[in-house]
């Protein structure tokens, strides 16, 4: 894996973290950032799930597979209408 950093950040990183610690430092930093991103996504989903409009849209989408399955199981040719 090759990473490219802006030169000012690379300089700061090289001066602040010992050569033997750099891989571990980056691994920990990336793991922390990914965990923060995951938690942010979970919070966004929780907020969306409490929104009545979002729930109504989700309910409409949930009905599509059943209607699509009915359409696909029919042997008679028809227009695509969901």
PDB file of N, CA and C in Angstrom:
ATOM      1  N   UNK A   1       0.849  -1.159   0.000  1.00  0.00           N
ATOM      2  CA  UNK A   1       0.000   0.000   0.000  1.00  0.00           C
ATOM      3  C   UNK A   1       0.902   1.230   0.000  1.00  0.00           C
ATOM      4  N   UNK A   2       0.561   2.171  -0.828  1.00  0.00           N
ATOM      5  CA  UNK A   2       1.313   3.415  -0.892  1.00  0.00           C
ATOM      6  C   UNK A   2       0.372   4.566  -0.576  1.00  0.00           C
ATOM      7  N   UNK A   3       0.812   5.434   0.310  1.00  0.00           N
ATOM      8  CA  UNK A   3       0.027   6.603   0.685  1.00  0.00           C
ATOM      9  C   UNK A   3       0.799   7.856   0.313  1.00  0.00           C
ATOM     10  N   UNK A   4       0.094   8.860  -0.111  1.00  0.00           N
ATOM     11  CA  UNK A   4       0.710  10.152  -0.412  1.00  0.00           C
ATOM     12  C   UNK A   4       0.121  11.183   0.532  1.00  0.00           C
ATOM     13  N   UNK A   5       1.000  11.898   1.213  1.00  0.00           N
ATOM     14  CA  UNK A   5       0.581  12.931   2.153  1.00  0.00           C
ATOM     15  C   UNK A   5       1.052  14.286   1.651  1.00  0.00           C
ATOM     16  N   UNK A   6       0.307  15.322   1.983  1.00  0.00           N
ATOM     17  CA  UNK A   6       0.814  16.665   1.678  1.00  0.00           C
ATOM     18  C   UNK A   6       2.170  16.850   2.358  1.00  0.00           C
ATOM     19  N   UNK A   7       3.071  17.560   1.716  1.00  0.00           N
ATOM     20  CA  UNK A   7       4.443  17.660   2.223  1.00  0.00           C
ATOM     21  C   UNK A   7       4.520  18.228   3.635  1.00  0.00           C
ATOM     22  N   UNK A   8       3.698  19.229   3.966  1.00  0.00           N
ATOM     23  CA  UNK A   8       3.744  19.790   5.314  1.00  0.00           C
ATOM     24  C   UNK A   8       3.311  18.771   6.366  1.00  0.00           C
ATOM     25  N   UNK A   9       2.306  17.963   6.024  1.00  0.00           N
ATOM     26  CA  UNK A   9       1.855  16.921   6.950  1.00  0.00           C
ATOM     27  C   UNK A   9       2.909  15.822   7.074  1.00  0.00           C
ATOM     28  N   UNK A  10       3.503  15.436   5.971  1.00  0.00           N
ATOM     29  CA  UNK A  10       4.553  14.413   5.991  1.00  0.00           C
ATOM     30  C   UNK A  10       5.739  14.883   6.832  1.00  0.00           C
ATOM     31  N   UNK A  11       6.106  16.153   6.719  1.00  0.00           N
ATOM     32  CA  UNK A  11       7.209  16.699   7.526  1.00  0.00           C
ATOM     33  C   UNK A  11       6.877  16.646   9.005  1.00  0.00           C
ATOM     34  N   UNK A  12       5.669  17.096   9.357  1.00  0.00           N
ATOM     35  CA  UNK A  12       5.254  17.067  10.771  1.00  0.00           C
ATOM     36  C   UNK A  12       5.238  15.642  11.301  1.00  0.00           C
ATOM     37  N   UNK A  13       4.704  14.719  10.485  1.00  0.00           N
ATOM     38  CA  UNK A  13       4.619  13.316  10.893  1.00  0.00           C
ATOM     39  C   UNK A  13       6.023  12.742  11.104  1.00  0.00           C
ATOM     40  N   UNK A  14       6.922  12.996  10.165  1.00  0.00           N
ATOM     41  CA  UNK A  14       8.295  12.492  10.267  1.00  0.00           C
ATOM     42  C   UNK A  14       9.028  13.029  11.480  1.00  0.00           C
ATOM     43  N   UNK A  15       8.760  14.273  11.846  1.00  0.00           N
ATOM     44  CA  UNK A  15       9.415  14.880  13.002  1.00  0.00           C
ATOM     45  C   UNK A  15       8.783  14.464  14.324  1.00  0.00           C
ATOM     46  N   UNK A  16       7.504  14.101  14.288  1.00  0.00           N
ATOM     47  CA  UNK A  16       6.773  13.829  15.530  1.00  0.00           C
ATOM     48  C   UNK A  16       6.724  12.360  15.922  1.00  0.00           C
ATOM     49  N   UNK A  17       6.842  11.467  14.944  1.00  0.00           N
ATOM     50  CA  UNK A  17       6.684  10.038  15.229  1.00  0.00           C
ATOM     51  C   UNK A  17       7.967   9.313  14.818  1.00  0.00           C
ATOM     52  N   UNK A  18       8.498   8.547  15.745  1.00  0.00           N
ATOM     53  CA  UNK A  18       9.731   7.800  15.472  1.00  0.00           C
ATOM     54  C   UNK A  18       9.514   6.812  14.325  1.00  0.00           C
ATOM     55  N   UNK A  19      10.547   6.604  13.538  1.00  0.00           N
ATOM     56  CA  UNK A  19      10.462   5.753  12.346  1.00  0.00           C
ATOM     57  C   UNK A  19       9.884   4.375  12.664  1.00  0.00           C
ATOM     58  N   UNK A  20      10.266   3.782  13.767  1.00  0.00           N
ATOM     59  CA  UNK A  20       9.802   2.439  14.114  1.00  0.00           C
ATOM     60  C   UNK A  20       8.344   2.416  14.598  1.00  0.00           C
ATOM     61  N   UNK A  21       7.785   3.567  14.864  1.00  0.00           N
ATOM     62  CA  UNK A  21       6.418   3.647  15.380  1.00  0.00           C
ATOM     63  C   UNK A  21       5.416   4.102  14.327  1.00  0.00           C
ATOM     64  N   UNK A  22       5.868   4.454  13.158  1.00  0.00           N
ATOM     65  CA  UNK A  22       4.996   5.088  12.169  1.00  0.00           C
ATOM     66  C   UNK A  22       3.878   4.182  11.666  1.00  0.00           C
ATOM     67  N   UNK A  23       4.164   2.944  11.372  1.00  0.00           N
ATOM     68  CA  UNK A  23       3.115   2.038  10.884  1.00  0.00           C
ATOM     69  C   UNK A  23       2.033   1.848  11.930  1.00  0.00           C
ATOM     70  N   UNK A  24       2.450   1.618  13.165  1.00  0.00           N
ATOM     71  CA  UNK A  24       1.477   1.421  14.242  1.00  0.00           C
ATOM     72  C   UNK A  24       0.673   2.694  14.479  1.00  0.00           C
ATOM     73  N   UNK A  25       1.346   3.836  14.431  1.00  0.00           N
ATOM     74  CA  UNK A  25       0.676   5.121  14.622  1.00  0.00           C
ATOM     75  C   UNK A  25      -0.396   5.319  13.550  1.00  0.00           C
ATOM     76  N   UNK A  26      -0.035   5.086  12.304  1.00  0.00           N
ATOM     77  CA  UNK A  26      -0.997   5.240  11.215  1.00  0.00           C
ATOM     78  C   UNK A  26      -2.146   4.250  11.342  1.00  0.00           C
ATOM     79  N   UNK A  27      -1.849   3.009  11.696  1.00  0.00           N
ATOM     80  CA  UNK A  27      -2.897   2.000  11.854  1.00  0.00           C
ATOM     81  C   UNK A  27      -3.892   2.424  12.934  1.00  0.00           C
ATOM     82  N   UNK A  28      -3.385   2.921  14.058  1.00  0.00           N
ATOM     83  CA  UNK A  28      -4.265   3.365  15.138  1.00  0.00           C
ATOM     84  C   UNK A  28      -5.085   4.583  14.718  1.00  0.00           C
ATOM     85  N   UNK A  29      -4.450   5.512  14.020  1.00  0.00           N
ATOM     86  CA  UNK A  29      -5.160   6.723  13.578  1.00  0.00           C
ATOM     87  C   UNK A  29      -6.262   6.374  12.584  1.00  0.00           C
ATOM     88  N   UNK A  30      -5.958   5.489  11.660  1.00  0.00           N
ATOM     89  CA  UNK A  30      -6.961   5.086  10.671  1.00  0.00           C
ATOM     90  C   UNK A  30      -8.098   4.332  11.342  1.00  0.00           C
ATOM     91  N   UNK A  31      -7.765   3.417  12.263  1.00  0.00           N
ATOM     92  CA  UNK A  31      -8.804   2.670  12.974  1.00  0.00           C
ATOM     93  C   UNK A  31      -9.715   3.617  13.749  1.00  0.00           C
ATOM     94  N   UNK A  32      -9.141   4.621  14.405  1.00  0.00           N
ATOM     95  CA  UNK A  32      -9.935   5.586  15.161  1.00  0.00           C
ATOM     96  C   UNK A  32     -10.840   6.379  14.231  1.00  0.00           C
ATOM     97  N   UNK A  33     -10.322   6.835  13.113  1.00  0.00           N
ATOM     98  CA  UNK A  33     -11.117   7.624  12.165  1.00  0.00           C
ATOM     99  C   UNK A  33     -12.257   6.794  11.583  1.00  0.00           C
ATOM    100  N   UNK A  34     -11.983   5.533  11.264  1.00  0.00           N
ATOM    101  CA  UNK A  34     -13.036   4.659  10.736  1.00  0.00           C
ATOM    102  C   UNK A  34     -14.114   4.400  11.784  1.00  0.00           C
ATOM    103  N   UNK A  35     -13.700   4.239  13.030  1.00  0.00           N
ATOM    104  CA  UNK A  35     -14.675   4.036  14.105  1.00  0.00           C
ATOM    105  C   UNK A  35     -15.549   5.277  14.273  1.00  0.00           C
ATOM    106  N   UNK A  36     -14.950   6.459  14.194  1.00  0.00           N
ATOM    107  CA  UNK A  36     -15.720   7.697  14.281  1.00  0.00           C
ATOM    108  C   UNK A  36     -16.716   7.793  13.129  1.00  0.00           C
ATOM    109  N   UNK A  37     -16.282   7.396  11.942  1.00  0.00           N
ATOM    110  CA  UNK A  37     -17.162   7.426  10.775  1.00  0.00           C
ATOM    111  C   UNK A  37     -18.329   6.459  10.962  1.00  0.00           C
ATOM    112  N   UNK A  38     -18.039   5.258  11.465  1.00  0.00           N
ATOM    113  CA  UNK A  38     -19.094   4.272  11.711  1.00  0.00           C
ATOM    114  C   UNK A  38     -20.110   4.794  12.722  1.00  0.00           C
ATOM    115  N   UNK A  39     -19.617   5.394  13.803  1.00  0.00           N
ATOM    116  CA  UNK A  39     -20.515   5.937  14.829  1.00  0.00           C
ATOM    117  C   UNK A  39     -21.353   7.077  14.273  1.00  0.00           C
ATOM    118  N   UNK A  40     -20.760   7.887  13.427  1.00  0.00           N
ATOM    119  CA  UNK A  40     -21.506   8.977  12.803  1.00  0.00           C
ATOM    120  C   UNK A  40     -22.618   8.426  11.913  1.00  0.00           C
ATOM    121  N   UNK A  41     -22.316   7.372  11.173  1.00  0.00           N
ATOM    122  CA  UNK A  41     -23.320   6.750  10.315  1.00  0.00           C
ATOM    123  C   UNK A  41     -24.449   6.143  11.142  1.00  0.00           C
ATOM    124  N   UNK A  42     -24.109   5.503  12.238  1.00  0.00           N
ATOM    125  CA  UNK A  42     -25.126   4.922  13.124  1.00  0.00           C
ATOM    126  C   UNK A  42     -26.033   6.017  13.670  1.00  0.00           C
ATOM    127  N   UNK A  43     -25.429   7.133  14.110  1.00  0.00           N
ATOM    128  CA  UNK A  43     -26.236   8.246  14.627  1.00  0.00           C
ATOM    129  C   UNK A  43     -27.151   8.799  13.544  1.00  0.00           C
ATOM    130  N   UNK A  44     -26.640   8.935  12.325  1.00  0.00           N
ATOM    131  CA  UNK A  44     -27.462   9.453  11.225  1.00  0.00           C
ATOM    132  C   UNK A  44     -28.623   8.510  10.937  1.00  0.00           C
ATOM    133  N   UNK A  45     -28.370   7.216  10.975  1.00  0.00           N
ATOM    134  CA  UNK A  45     -29.437   6.237  10.747  1.00  0.00           C
ATOM    135  C   UNK A  45     -30.483   6.305  11.855  1.00  0.00           C
ATOM    136  N   UNK A  46     -30.037   6.457  13.081  1.00  0.00           N
ATOM    137  CA  UNK A  46     -30.978   6.556  14.192  1.00  0.00           C
ATOM    138  C   UNK A  46     -31.872   7.784  14.039  1.00  0.00           C
ATOM    139  N   UNK A  47     -31.293   8.907  13.646  1.00  0.00           N
ATOM    140  CA  UNK A  47     -32.076  10.125  13.433  1.00  0.00           C
ATOM    141  C   UNK A  47     -33.064   9.913  12.287  1.00  0.00           C
ATOM    142  N   UNK A  48     -32.586   9.337  11.187  1.00  0.00           N
ATOM    143  CA  UNK A  48     -33.458   9.099  10.036  1.00  0.00           C
ATOM    144  C   UNK A  48     -34.591   8.149  10.399  1.00  0.00           C
ATOM    145  N   UNK A  49     -34.296   7.130  11.179  1.00  0.00           N
ATOM    146  CA  UNK A  49     -35.317   6.151  11.547  1.00  0.00           C
ATOM    147  C   UNK A  49     -36.405   6.745  12.437  1.00  0.00           C
ATOM    148  N   UNK A  50     -36.120   7.859  13.096  1.00  0.00           N
ATOM    149  CA  UNK A  50     -37.139   8.518  13.925  1.00  0.00           C
ATOM    150  C   UNK A  50     -38.001   9.485  13.110  1.00  0.00           C
ATOM    151  N   UNK A  51     -37.603   9.765  11.880  1.00  0.00           N
ATOM    152  CA  UNK A  51     -38.314  10.708  11.025  1.00  0.00           C
ATOM    153  C   UNK A  51     -39.464   9.989  10.332  1.00  0.00           C
ATOM    154  N   UNK A  52     -40.681  10.498  10.517  1.00  0.00           N
ATOM    155  CA  UNK A  52     -41.866   9.843   9.967  1.00  0.00           C
ATOM    156  C   UNK A  52     -41.864   9.833   8.437  1.00  0.00           C
ATOM    157  N   UNK A  53     -41.354  10.877   7.808  1.00  0.00           N
ATOM    158  CA  UNK A  53     -41.300  10.909   6.341  1.00  0.00           C
ATOM    159  C   UNK A  53     -40.349   9.848   5.810  1.00  0.00           C
ATOM    160  N   UNK A  54     -39.221   9.704   6.465  1.00  0.00           N
ATOM    161  CA  UNK A  54     -38.252   8.680   6.055  1.00  0.00           C
ATOM    162  C   UNK A  54     -38.857   7.289   6.226  1.00  0.00           C
ATOM    163  N   UNK A  55     -39.568   7.086   7.313  1.00  0.00           N
ATOM    164  CA  UNK A  55     -40.209   5.785   7.546  1.00  0.00           C
ATOM    165  C   UNK A  55     -41.235   5.470   6.466  1.00  0.00           C
ATOM    166  N   UNK A  56     -41.982   6.470   6.033  1.00  0.00           N
ATOM    167  CA  UNK A  56     -42.984   6.269   4.980  1.00  0.00           C
ATOM    168  C   UNK A  56     -42.304   5.902   3.658  1.00  0.00           C
ATOM    169  N   UNK A  57     -41.218   6.590   3.338  1.00  0.00           N
ATOM    170  CA  UNK A  57     -40.479   6.277   2.107  1.00  0.00           C
ATOM    171  C   UNK A  57     -39.902   4.867   2.183  1.00  0.00           C
ATOM    172  N   UNK A  58     -39.359   4.517   3.330  1.00  0.00           N
ATOM    173  CA  UNK A  58     -38.796   3.177   3.506  1.00  0.00           C
ATOM    174  C   UNK A  58     -39.870   2.105   3.337  1.00  0.00           C
ATOM    175  N   UNK A  59     -41.041   2.375   3.858  1.00  0.00           N
ATOM    176  CA  UNK A  59     -42.151   1.424   3.721  1.00  0.00           C
ATOM    177  C   UNK A  59     -42.509   1.229   2.253  1.00  0.00           C
ATOM    178  N   UNK A  60     -42.499   2.319   1.481  1.00  0.00           N
ATOM    179  CA  UNK A  60     -42.763   2.205   0.042  1.00  0.00           C
ATOM    180  C   UNK A  60     -41.703   1.352  -0.648  1.00  0.00           C
ATOM    181  N   UNK A  61     -40.449   1.566  -0.302  1.00  0.00           N
ATOM    182  CA  UNK A  61     -39.377   0.773  -0.905  1.00  0.00           C
ATOM    183  C   UNK A  61     -39.472  -0.699  -0.497  1.00  0.00           C
ATOM    184  N   UNK A  62     -39.880  -0.959   0.731  1.00  0.00           N
ATOM    185  CA  UNK A  62     -40.030  -2.343   1.182  1.00  0.00           C
ATOM    186  C   UNK A  62     -41.073  -3.090   0.362  1.00  0.00           C
ATOM    187  N   UNK A  63     -42.070  -2.392  -0.167  1.00  0.00           N
ATOM    188  CA  UNK A  63     -43.125  -3.031  -0.946  1.00  0.00           C
ATOM    189  C   UNK A  63     -42.655  -3.384  -2.361  1.00  0.00           C
ATOM    190  N   UNK A  64     -41.620  -2.757  -2.844  1.00  0.00           N
ATOM    191  CA  UNK A  64     -41.173  -2.992  -4.225  1.00  0.00           C
ATOM    192  C   UNK A  64     -40.775  -4.442  -4.482  1.00  0.00           C
ATOM    193  N   UNK A  65     -39.953  -5.088  -3.661  1.00  0.00           N
ATOM    194  CA  UNK A  65     -39.565  -6.465  -3.974  1.00  0.00           C
ATOM    195  C   UNK A  65     -40.750  -7.416  -4.115  1.00  0.00           C
ATOM    196  N   UNK A  66     -41.757  -7.278  -3.269  1.00  0.00           N
ATOM    197  CA  UNK A  66     -42.916  -8.163  -3.357  1.00  0.00           C
ATOM    198  C   UNK A  66     -43.656  -7.935  -4.672  1.00  0.00           C
ATOM    199  N   UNK A  67     -43.849  -6.671  -5.041  1.00  0.00           N
ATOM    200  CA  UNK A  67     -44.538  -6.375  -6.288  1.00  0.00           C
ATOM    201  C   UNK A  67     -43.694  -6.801  -7.485  1.00  0.00           C
ATOM    202  N   UNK A  68     -42.406  -6.655  -7.388  1.00  0.00           N
ATOM    203  CA  UNK A  68     -41.518  -7.066  -8.467  1.00  0.00           C
ATOM    204  C   UNK A  68     -41.536  -8.587  -8.606  1.00  0.00           C
ATOM    205  N   UNK A  69     -41.546  -9.297  -7.504  1.00  0.00           N
ATOM    206  CA  UNK A  69     -41.605 -10.760  -7.552  1.00  0.00           C
ATOM    207  C   UNK A  69     -42.899 -11.226  -8.218  1.00  0.00           C
ATOM    208  N   UNK A  70     -44.002 -10.569  -7.907  1.00  0.00           N
ATOM    209  CA  UNK A  70     -45.270 -10.903  -8.551  1.00  0.00           C
ATOM    210  C   UNK A  70     -45.184 -10.676 -10.054  1.00  0.00           C
ATOM    211  N   UNK A  71     -44.585  -9.569 -10.434  1.00  0.00           N
ATOM    212  CA  UNK A  71     -44.447  -9.245 -11.846  1.00  0.00           C
ATOM    213  C   UNK A  71     -43.580 -10.287 -12.555  1.00  0.00           C
ATOM    214  N   UNK A  72     -42.475 -10.650 -11.962  1.00  0.00           N
ATOM    215  CA  UNK A  72     -41.555 -11.590 -12.601  1.00  0.00           C
ATOM    216  C   UNK A  72     -42.117 -13.002 -12.664  1.00  0.00           C
ATOM    217  N   UNK A  73     -42.983 -13.366 -11.739  1.00  0.00           N
ATOM    218  CA  UNK A  73     -43.532 -14.722 -11.728  1.00  0.00           C
ATOM    219  C   UNK A  73     -44.642 -14.899 -12.760  1.00  0.00           C
ATOM    220  N   UNK A  74     -45.181 -13.810 -13.253  1.00  0.00           N
ATOM    221  CA  UNK A  74     -46.236 -13.873 -14.264  1.00  0.00           C
ATOM    222  C   UNK A  74     -45.636 -14.269 -15.599  1.00  0.00           C
ATOM    223  N   UNK A  75     -46.241 -15.254 -16.278  1.00  0.00           N
ATOM    224  CA  UNK A  75     -45.729 -15.691 -17.566  1.00  0.00           C
ATOM    225  C   UNK A  75     -46.232 -14.841 -18.720  1.00  0.00           C
ATOM    226  N   UNK A  76     -47.318 -14.112 -18.501  1.00  0.00           N
ATOM    227  CA  UNK A  76     -47.873 -13.266 -19.556  1.00  0.00           C
ATOM    228  C   UNK A  76     -47.047 -11.991 -19.685  1.00  0.00           C
ATOM    229  N   UNK A  77     -46.699 -11.598 -20.904  1.00  0.00           N
ATOM    230  CA  UNK A  77     -45.967 -10.352 -21.073  1.00  0.00           C
ATOM    231  C   UNK A  77     -46.826  -9.146 -20.712  1.00  0.00           C
ATOM    232  N   UNK A  78     -46.267  -8.193 -19.974  1.00  0.00           N
ATOM    233  CA  UNK A  78     -46.987  -6.985 -19.622  1.00  0.00           C
ATOM    234  C   UNK A  78     -46.005  -5.827 -19.553  1.00  0.00           C
ATOM    235  N   UNK A  79     -46.553  -4.659 -19.426  1.00  0.00           N
ATOM    236  CA  UNK A  79     -45.734  -3.483 -19.254  1.00  0.00           C
ATOM    237  C   UNK A  79     -45.166  -3.457 -17.857  1.00  0.00           C
ATOM    238  N   UNK A  80     -43.971  -2.900 -17.715  1.00  0.00           N
ATOM    239  CA  UNK A  80     -43.324  -2.746 -16.400  1.00  0.00           C
ATOM    240  C   UNK A  80     -44.035  -1.630 -15.666  1.00  0.00           C
ATOM    241  N   UNK A  81     -44.781  -1.963 -14.620  1.00  0.00           N
ATOM    242  CA  UNK A  81     -45.497  -0.945 -13.852  1.00  0.00           C
ATOM    243  C   UNK A  81     -45.407  -1.288 -12.380  1.00  0.00           C
ATOM    244  N   UNK A  82     -44.662  -0.512 -11.660  1.00  0.00           N
ATOM    245  CA  UNK A  82     -44.537  -0.737 -10.216  1.00  0.00           C
ATOM    246  C   UNK A  82     -45.322   0.278  -9.470  1.00  0.00           C
TER     247      UNK A  82
END
